[in-house]
Amino acid sequence: MFSRRNRAERTAAEAWDYLSSAMASAGESAKDAGKATAGVAGAKVAELAGKATQQSQKLAGKASRRGNKLAGKAGTRVNAVTDEAWARANLAANALAGRKPGLPWGVIVGASLIGVALGWAAASTARAAAERRAENEELQLAETAIVSTPTYDS
C-alpha cells in the first residue's frame, strides 16, 4: 500500500494542479468576458454615435448615456467574473493549505430565528387554546351548578 507521505504528496500535487487550473481558467474567462463585453459595448456606442451625429445633439446625449450604461454593464460583468475567479482561487489555496471551509453562520442564525418565531407562534396558540378551554369549562360549570343559599331561621 501507499505510505502516508506518498498520499500527502499526491494530494498536495492534485491540489496544486487544481489551484493552477482554477487560476488559469479564471484569468482566461475574465479576459474573454472583458473582450466580449468591450466589443459589444464598443459596437453599440459606435452605432448610436453615428445616428446621433445625423439627427441632433439630443441623440448625442442619449448615445452617451447608453454608452456609459453599456460600459458600466461590461465593467460589472468583468468584475463578477474576476470576483468568482478570486473566490475559487482562494478556496483552492485554502484546500491546498489544509484549511476547512467555515461554518455558514448566516444560514445557522436565520434558521434559529425562524425556529424561535415558529416556537413563539405555537406557544401563543397553545396558550390561547388552553384559556378558551378553561373559559368553556367555567361556563359549563356555571350552567350546571346549583346555587343554594343558606337561610337562617331566627
C-alpha atoms as a PDB file:
ATOM      1  CA  MET A   1       0.000   0.000   0.000  1.00  0.00           C
ATOM      2  CA  PHE A   2       0.982   3.628  -0.235  1.00  0.00           C
ATOM      3  CA  SER A   3       2.585   5.312   2.674  1.00  0.00           C
ATOM      4  CA  ARG A   4       1.126   8.442   4.230  1.00  0.00           C
ATOM      5  CA  ARG A   5       3.887  10.554   2.801  1.00  0.00           C
ATOM      6  CA  ASN A   6       3.174   9.431  -0.770  1.00  0.00           C
ATOM      7  CA  ARG A   7      -0.533  10.043  -0.271  1.00  0.00           C
ATOM      8  CA  ALA A   8       0.147  13.502   1.162  1.00  0.00           C
ATOM      9  CA  GLU A   9       2.453  14.338  -1.727  1.00  0.00           C
ATOM     10  CA  ARG A  10      -0.121  13.088  -4.206  1.00  0.00           C
ATOM     11  CA  THR A  11      -2.870  15.112  -2.511  1.00  0.00           C
ATOM     12  CA  ALA A  12      -0.707  18.225  -2.479  1.00  0.00           C
ATOM     13  CA  ALA A  13       0.121  17.747  -6.157  1.00  0.00           C
ATOM     14  CA  GLU A  14      -3.560  17.323  -7.021  1.00  0.00           C
ATOM     15  CA  ALA A  15      -4.454  20.427  -5.017  1.00  0.00           C
ATOM     16  CA  TRP A  16      -1.691  22.389  -6.728  1.00  0.00           C
ATOM     17  CA  ASP A  17      -2.953  21.236 -10.140  1.00  0.00           C
ATOM     18  CA  TYR A  18      -6.476  22.277  -9.178  1.00  0.00           C
ATOM     19  CA  LEU A  19      -5.257  25.681  -7.996  1.00  0.00           C
ATOM     20  CA  SER A  20      -3.223  26.219 -11.157  1.00  0.00           C
ATOM     21  CA  SER A  21      -6.097  25.265 -13.431  1.00  0.00           C
ATOM     22  CA  ALA A  22      -8.552  27.406 -11.437  1.00  0.00           C
ATOM     23  CA  MET A  23      -6.281  30.439 -11.703  1.00  0.00           C
ATOM     24  CA  ALA A  24      -5.671  29.854 -15.418  1.00  0.00           C
ATOM     25  CA  SER A  25      -9.335  29.355 -16.233  1.00  0.00           C
ATOM     26  CA  ALA A  26     -10.316  32.335 -14.098  1.00  0.00           C
ATOM     27  CA  GLY A  27      -7.845  34.547 -15.913  1.00  0.00           C
ATOM     28  CA  GLU A  28      -8.945  33.286 -19.313  1.00  0.00           C
ATOM     29  CA  SER A  29     -12.647  33.653 -18.554  1.00  0.00           C
ATOM     30  CA  ALA A  30     -12.120  37.168 -17.187  1.00  0.00           C
ATOM     31  CA  LYS A  31     -10.119  38.113 -20.261  1.00  0.00           C
ATOM     32  CA  ASP A  32     -12.696  36.599 -22.634  1.00  0.00           C
ATOM     33  CA  ALA A  33     -15.585  38.267 -20.813  1.00  0.00           C
ATOM     34  CA  GLY A  34     -13.796  41.600 -20.921  1.00  0.00           C
ATOM     35  CA  LYS A  35     -13.111  41.297 -24.662  1.00  0.00           C
ATOM     36  CA  ALA A  36     -16.651  40.223 -25.479  1.00  0.00           C
ATOM     37  CA  THR A  37     -18.345  42.886 -23.417  1.00  0.00           C
ATOM     38  CA  ALA A  38     -15.970  45.594 -24.592  1.00  0.00           C
ATOM     39  CA  GLY A  39     -16.618  44.586 -28.216  1.00  0.00           C
ATOM     40  CA  VAL A  40     -20.388  44.640 -27.745  1.00  0.00           C
ATOM     41  CA  ALA A  41     -20.272  47.927 -25.888  1.00  0.00           C
ATOM     42  CA  GLY A  42     -17.946  49.477 -28.481  1.00  0.00           C
ATOM     43  CA  ALA A  43     -20.124  48.388 -31.398  1.00  0.00           C
ATOM     44  CA  LYS A  44     -23.277  49.704 -29.758  1.00  0.00           C
ATOM     45  CA  VAL A  45     -21.642  53.009 -28.826  1.00  0.00           C
ATOM     46  CA  ALA A  46     -20.350  53.462 -32.397  1.00  0.00           C
ATOM     47  CA  GLU A  47     -23.770  52.732 -33.847  1.00  0.00           C
ATOM     48  CA  LEU A  48     -25.528  55.143 -31.521  1.00  0.00           C
ATOM     49  CA  ALA A  49     -22.877  57.837 -32.061  1.00  0.00           C
ATOM     50  CA  GLY A  50     -23.340  57.651 -35.862  1.00  0.00           C
ATOM     51  CA  LYS A  51     -27.076  58.137 -35.517  1.00  0.00           C
ATOM     52  CA  ALA A  52     -26.534  60.961 -33.053  1.00  0.00           C
ATOM     53  CA  THR A  53     -24.390  62.996 -35.442  1.00  0.00           C
ATOM     54  CA  GLN A  54     -27.034  62.659 -38.145  1.00  0.00           C
ATOM     55  CA  GLN A  55     -30.075  63.523 -36.076  1.00  0.00           C
ATOM     56  CA  SER A  56     -29.213  66.073 -33.365  1.00  0.00           C
ATOM     57  CA  GLN A  57     -27.472  66.978 -30.129  1.00  0.00           C
ATOM     58  CA  LYS A  58     -30.340  65.319 -28.297  1.00  0.00           C
ATOM     59  CA  LEU A  59     -29.433  61.914 -29.723  1.00  0.00           C
ATOM     60  CA  ALA A  60     -25.763  62.521 -28.940  1.00  0.00           C
ATOM     61  CA  GLY A  61     -26.629  62.905 -25.252  1.00  0.00           C
ATOM     62  CA  LYS A  62     -28.787  59.796 -25.410  1.00  0.00           C
ATOM     63  CA  ALA A  63     -25.999  57.791 -27.067  1.00  0.00           C
ATOM     64  CA  SER A  64     -23.539  58.935 -24.454  1.00  0.00           C
ATOM     65  CA  ARG A  65     -25.847  57.800 -21.660  1.00  0.00           C
ATOM     66  CA  ARG A  66     -26.432  54.435 -23.336  1.00  0.00           C
ATOM     67  CA  GLY A  67     -22.731  54.026 -23.969  1.00  0.00           C
ATOM     68  CA  ASN A  68     -21.956  54.732 -20.354  1.00  0.00           C
ATOM     69  CA  LYS A  69     -24.633  52.275 -19.298  1.00  0.00           C
ATOM     70  CA  LEU A  70     -23.221  49.568 -21.577  1.00  0.00           C
ATOM     71  CA  ALA A  71     -19.693  50.280 -20.390  1.00  0.00           C
ATOM     72  CA  GLY A  72     -20.950  50.024 -16.822  1.00  0.00           C
ATOM     73  CA  LYS A  73     -22.601  46.686 -17.598  1.00  0.00           C
ATOM     74  CA  ALA A  74     -19.385  45.463 -19.207  1.00  0.00           C
ATOM     75  CA  GLY A  75     -17.390  46.515 -16.163  1.00  0.00           C
ATOM     76  CA  THR A  76     -19.892  44.813 -13.871  1.00  0.00           C
ATOM     77  CA  ARG A  77     -19.660  41.579 -15.860  1.00  0.00           C
ATOM     78  CA  VAL A  78     -15.854  41.639 -15.802  1.00  0.00           C
ATOM     79  CA  ASN A  79     -15.894  42.375 -12.062  1.00  0.00           C
ATOM     80  CA  ALA A  80     -18.287  39.481 -11.428  1.00  0.00           C
ATOM     81  CA  VAL A  81     -16.066  37.060 -13.359  1.00  0.00           C
ATOM     82  CA  THR A  82     -12.972  38.371 -11.602  1.00  0.00           C
ATOM     83  CA  ASP A  83     -14.617  38.059  -8.178  1.00  0.00           C
ATOM     84  CA  GLU A  84     -15.628  34.479  -8.917  1.00  0.00           C
ATOM     85  CA  ALA A  85     -12.104  33.692 -10.075  1.00  0.00           C
ATOM     86  CA  TRP A  86     -10.627  35.114  -6.871  1.00  0.00           C
ATOM     87  CA  ALA A  87     -13.135  33.200  -4.745  1.00  0.00           C
ATOM     88  CA  ARG A  88     -12.301  29.925  -6.491  1.00  0.00           C
ATOM     89  CA  ALA A  89      -8.582  30.583  -6.252  1.00  0.00           C
ATOM     90  CA  ASN A  90      -8.886  31.323  -2.527  1.00  0.00           C
ATOM     91  CA  LEU A  91     -10.882  28.128  -1.988  1.00  0.00           C
ATOM     92  CA  ALA A  92      -8.243  26.158  -3.864  1.00  0.00           C
ATOM     93  CA  ALA A  93      -5.442  27.787  -1.876  1.00  0.00           C
ATOM     94  CA  ASN A  94      -7.265  27.018   1.385  1.00  0.00           C
ATOM     95  CA  ALA A  95      -7.732  23.400   0.292  1.00  0.00           C
ATOM     96  CA  LEU A  96      -4.057  23.219  -0.579  1.00  0.00           C
ATOM     97  CA  ALA A  97      -3.170  24.582   2.867  1.00  0.00           C
ATOM     98  CA  GLY A  98      -5.465  22.021   4.510  1.00  0.00           C
ATOM     99  CA  ARG A  99      -7.959  24.562   5.904  1.00  0.00           C
ATOM    100  CA  LYS A 100     -11.582  23.526   6.061  1.00  0.00           C
ATOM    101  CA  PRO A 101     -14.336  25.928   4.940  1.00  0.00           C
ATOM    102  CA  GLY A 102     -16.016  27.926   7.706  1.00  0.00           C
ATOM    103  CA  LEU A 103     -19.487  27.387   9.049  1.00  0.00           C
ATOM    104  CA  PRO A 104     -22.333  29.152   7.233  1.00  0.00           C
ATOM    105  CA  TRP A 105     -23.253  31.397  10.164  1.00  0.00           C
ATOM    106  CA  GLY A 106     -25.841  33.351   8.194  1.00  0.00           C
ATOM    107  CA  VAL A 107     -27.817  30.188   7.494  1.00  0.00           C
ATOM    108  CA  ILE A 108     -27.468  28.983  11.080  1.00  0.00           C
ATOM    109  CA  VAL A 109     -28.662  32.289  12.566  1.00  0.00           C
ATOM    110  CA  GLY A 110     -31.501  32.540  10.035  1.00  0.00           C
ATOM    111  CA  ALA A 111     -32.724  29.024  10.795  1.00  0.00           C
ATOM    112  CA  SER A 112     -32.512  29.741  14.534  1.00  0.00           C
ATOM    113  CA  LEU A 113     -34.604  32.900  14.168  1.00  0.00           C
ATOM    114  CA  ILE A 114     -37.210  31.042  12.125  1.00  0.00           C
ATOM    115  CA  GLY A 115     -37.302  28.313  14.790  1.00  0.00           C
ATOM    116  CA  VAL A 116     -37.780  30.878  17.557  1.00  0.00           C
ATOM    117  CA  ALA A 117     -40.612  32.552  15.626  1.00  0.00           C
ATOM    118  CA  LEU A 118     -42.360  29.226  14.983  1.00  0.00           C
ATOM    119  CA  GLY A 119     -41.949  28.199  18.625  1.00  0.00           C
ATOM    120  CA  TRP A 120     -43.394  31.506  19.821  1.00  0.00           C
ATOM    121  CA  ALA A 121     -46.376  31.148  17.457  1.00  0.00           C
ATOM    122  CA  ALA A 122     -47.017  27.570  18.617  1.00  0.00           C
ATOM    123  CA  ALA A 123     -46.774  28.555  22.298  1.00  0.00           C
ATOM    124  CA  SER A 124     -49.142  31.503  21.806  1.00  0.00           C
ATOM    125  CA  THR A 125     -51.658  29.288  20.024  1.00  0.00           C
ATOM    126  CA  ALA A 126     -51.445  26.618  22.720  1.00  0.00           C
ATOM    127  CA  ARG A 127     -51.847  29.221  25.482  1.00  0.00           C
ATOM    128  CA  ALA A 128     -54.911  30.726  23.772  1.00  0.00           C
ATOM    129  CA  ALA A 129     -56.468  27.271  23.317  1.00  0.00           C
ATOM    130  CA  ALA A 130     -55.904  26.450  26.997  1.00  0.00           C
ATOM    131  CA  GLU A 131     -57.535  29.736  28.036  1.00  0.00           C
ATOM    132  CA  ARG A 132     -60.565  29.059  25.802  1.00  0.00           C
ATOM    133  CA  ARG A 133     -60.879  25.552  27.224  1.00  0.00           C
ATOM    134  CA  ALA A 134     -60.768  26.905  30.794  1.00  0.00           C
ATOM    135  CA  GLU A 135     -63.401  29.537  29.974  1.00  0.00           C
ATOM    136  CA  ASN A 136     -65.675  26.889  28.419  1.00  0.00           C
ATOM    137  CA  GLU A 137     -65.288  24.654  31.476  1.00  0.00           C
ATOM    138  CA  GLU A 138     -66.162  27.589  33.751  1.00  0.00           C
ATOM    139  CA  LEU A 139     -69.246  28.370  31.687  1.00  0.00           C
ATOM    140  CA  GLN A 140     -70.371  24.732  31.746  1.00  0.00           C
ATOM    141  CA  LEU A 141     -69.792  24.586  35.481  1.00  0.00           C
ATOM    142  CA  ALA A 142     -71.759  27.806  35.988  1.00  0.00           C
ATOM    143  CA  GLU A 143     -74.642  26.483  33.875  1.00  0.00           C
ATOM    144  CA  THR A 144     -74.881  23.189  35.740  1.00  0.00           C
ATOM    145  CA  ALA A 145     -74.122  24.453  39.210  1.00  0.00           C
ATOM    146  CA  ILE A 146     -76.854  24.536  41.800  1.00  0.00           C
ATOM    147  CA  VAL A 147     -76.675  27.547  43.941  1.00  0.00           C
ATOM    148  CA  SER A 148     -78.028  27.159  47.368  1.00  0.00           C
ATOM    149  CA  THR A 149     -78.106  29.956  49.826  1.00  0.00           C
ATOM    150  CA  PRO A 150     -78.357  29.155  53.474  1.00  0.00           C
ATOM    151  CA  THR A 151     -81.246  30.582  55.377  1.00  0.00           C
ATOM    152  CA  TYR A 152     -81.019  31.438  58.951  1.00  0.00           C
ATOM    153  CA  ASP A 153     -84.121  30.992  60.995  1.00  0.00           C
ATOM    154  CA  SER A 154     -84.168  33.152  64.000  1.00  0.00           C
END
